[in-house]
Each structure stands twice: as structure tokens, then as C-alpha cells.
C-alpha atoms as a PDB file:
ATOM      1  CA  VAL A   1      13.434 -18.336 -10.155  1.00  0.00           C
ATOM      2  CA  GLU A   2      12.196 -21.681 -11.431  1.00  0.00           C
ATOM      3  CA  LEU A   3      12.541 -23.289  -7.984  1.00  0.00           C
ATOM      4  CA  LEU A   4      10.884 -20.465  -6.046  1.00  0.00           C
ATOM      5  CA  SER A   5       8.138 -19.333  -8.403  1.00  0.00           C
ATOM      6  CA  ILE A   6       7.285 -21.901 -11.071  1.00  0.00           C
ATOM      7  CA  ASN A   7       7.699 -25.187  -9.184  1.00  0.00           C
ATOM      8  CA  PRO A   8       5.522 -24.208  -6.178  1.00  0.00           C
ATOM      9  CA  ARG A   9       2.720 -23.285  -8.598  1.00  0.00           C
ATOM     10  CA  LYS A  10       3.059 -26.703 -10.254  1.00  0.00           C
ATOM     11  CA  ILE A  11       3.030 -28.489  -6.878  1.00  0.00           C
ATOM     12  CA  PHE A  12      -0.200 -26.733  -5.821  1.00  0.00           C
ATOM     13  CA  GLY A  13      -1.805 -27.123  -9.239  1.00  0.00           C
ATOM     14  CA  LEU A  14      -1.872 -23.375  -9.939  1.00  0.00           C
ATOM     15  CA  SER A  15      -1.659 -22.045 -13.465  1.00  0.00           C
ATOM     16  CA  ILE A  16       1.557 -20.400 -14.620  1.00  0.00           C
ATOM     17  CA  PRO A  17       0.891 -16.678 -15.217  1.00  0.00           C
ATOM     18  CA  VAL A  18       1.229 -15.451 -18.790  1.00  0.00           C
ATOM     19  CA  ILE A  19       1.784 -11.829 -19.751  1.00  0.00           C
ATOM     20  CA  GLN A  20      -0.948 -10.828 -22.191  1.00  0.00           C
ATOM     21  CA  GLU A  21      -2.206  -7.526 -23.508  1.00  0.00           C
ATOM     22  CA  LYS A  22      -4.957  -5.937 -21.365  1.00  0.00           C
ATOM     23  CA  GLU A  23      -4.480  -8.480 -18.578  1.00  0.00           C
ATOM     24  CA  PRO A  24      -3.337  -7.536 -15.051  1.00  0.00           C
ATOM     25  CA  VAL A  25       0.295  -8.299 -14.244  1.00  0.00           C
ATOM     26  CA  ARG A  26       2.230  -8.881 -11.054  1.00  0.00           C
ATOM     27  CA  PHE A  27       5.984  -8.382 -11.012  1.00  0.00           C
ATOM     28  CA  THR A  28       8.726  -8.451  -8.424  1.00  0.00           C
ATOM     29  CA  LEU A  29      11.696  -6.279  -9.349  1.00  0.00           C
ATOM     30  CA  PHE A  30      14.812  -8.140  -8.183  1.00  0.00           C
ATOM     31  CA  ASP A  31      18.509  -7.336  -8.585  1.00  0.00           C
ATOM     32  CA  PRO A  32      20.607 -10.504  -8.119  1.00  0.00           C
ATOM     33  CA  THR A  33      23.867  -8.480  -7.974  1.00  0.00           C
ATOM     34  CA  LEU A  34      23.064  -6.258  -4.972  1.00  0.00           C
ATOM     35  CA  THR A  35      24.406  -7.197  -1.556  1.00  0.00           C
ATOM     36  CA  TRP A  36      22.862  -6.114   1.729  1.00  0.00           C
ATOM     37  CA  THR A  37      22.972  -6.962   5.419  1.00  0.00           C
ATOM     38  CA  PRO A  38      19.673  -7.339   7.296  1.00  0.00           C
ATOM     39  CA  SER A  39      19.501  -6.150  10.914  1.00  0.00           C
ATOM     40  CA  SER A  40      16.913  -5.974  13.678  1.00  0.00           C
ATOM     41  CA  GLU A  41      16.999  -2.160  13.435  1.00  0.00           C
ATOM     42  CA  LYS A  42      16.023  -2.181   9.751  1.00  0.00           C
ATOM     43  CA  THR A  43      13.367  -4.903   9.804  1.00  0.00           C
ATOM     44  CA  LYS A  44       9.698  -3.966   9.575  1.00  0.00           C
ATOM     45  CA  SER A  45       8.684  -7.251  11.175  1.00  0.00           C
ATOM     46  CA  HIS A  46       7.472  -7.336  14.779  1.00  0.00           C
ATOM     47  CA  SER A  47       9.824 -10.275  15.284  1.00  0.00           C
ATOM     48  CA  LYS A  48      13.308  -9.012  16.087  1.00  0.00           C
ATOM     49  CA  ASN A  49      15.185 -12.257  15.584  1.00  0.00           C
ATOM     50  CA  SER A  50      16.439 -13.876  12.394  1.00  0.00           C
ATOM     51  CA  PRO A  51      19.330 -16.189  11.542  1.00  0.00           C
ATOM     52  CA  PHE A  52      20.141 -13.755   8.694  1.00  0.00           C
ATOM     53  CA  PHE A  53      20.695 -10.626  10.825  1.00  0.00           C
ATOM     54  CA  GLY A  54      24.293  -9.453  10.451  1.00  0.00           C
ATOM     55  CA  LYS A  55      25.025 -11.712   7.467  1.00  0.00           C
ATOM     56  CA  GLU A  56      25.716 -10.266   4.034  1.00  0.00           C
ATOM     57  CA  LEU A  57      23.149 -11.519   1.516  1.00  0.00           C
ATOM     58  CA  LYS A  58      23.323 -11.355  -2.262  1.00  0.00           C
ATOM     59  CA  GLY A  59      20.239 -10.333  -4.260  1.00  0.00           C
ATOM     60  CA  LYS A  60      17.583  -7.829  -3.213  1.00  0.00           C
ATOM     61  CA  VAL A  61      13.961  -7.047  -4.038  1.00  0.00           C
ATOM     62  CA  LEU A  62      13.689  -3.470  -5.327  1.00  0.00           C
ATOM     63  CA  GLY A  63       9.925  -3.272  -5.599  1.00  0.00           C
ATOM     64  CA  THR A  64       6.684  -4.895  -6.681  1.00  0.00           C
ATOM     65  CA  LEU A  65       4.091  -4.125  -9.311  1.00  0.00           C
ATOM     66  CA  HIS A  66       0.505  -5.274  -8.790  1.00  0.00           C
ATOM     67  CA  PRO A  67      -2.691  -4.282 -10.612  1.00  0.00           C
ATOM     68  CA  ASN A  68      -3.647  -1.792  -7.882  1.00  0.00           C
ATOM     69  CA  ALA A  69      -0.302  -0.822  -6.355  1.00  0.00           C
ATOM     70  CA  ILE A  70       3.337  -0.132  -7.113  1.00  0.00           C
ATOM     71  CA  THR A  71       5.731  -0.470  -4.187  1.00  0.00           C
ATOM     72  CA  ILE A  72       9.335   0.733  -4.387  1.00  0.00           C
ATOM     73  CA  ILE A  73      11.493  -0.760  -1.647  1.00  0.00           C
ATOM     74  CA  ALA A  74      15.009   0.242  -2.698  1.00  0.00           C
END
């Protein structure tokens, strides 16, 4: 999490978000224990090629929470 969310913000000089009362929040719901296998049939991308298709991956995004939208992916 540090490498993929905090460090890029530091590199680009962006502030680190802080959860505060009455302030909008943005969350990604992630389960590091889930395994899944991406495939070209399941992808929503227009591109139908990926080096990850057919390979079992560990960790999966379950949804996102933004000030104006909640998305459940699971």
C-alpha cells in the first residue's frame, strides 16, 4: 500500500489524504487474500490482450467509495 499509494503522492508533491469528520473520503475496498484469474472474456477493457490473462493472481478490489458514487465490483 505504501509503495502504490503513498509514495507516488510524495513523488508528485501531492498531499497525503487524511480522514476527517465532514470531509469527503475516497476508499478502495481490497481483499489481499482472494485469488482470481483474469481472462479476455471477463475483461471490460476494449483491449483483449494482457500478460496476466490465465494467471492466478492474489488480491482483488471489491469496490470503491467516492463522494458521489459507490461501486461494488465483487
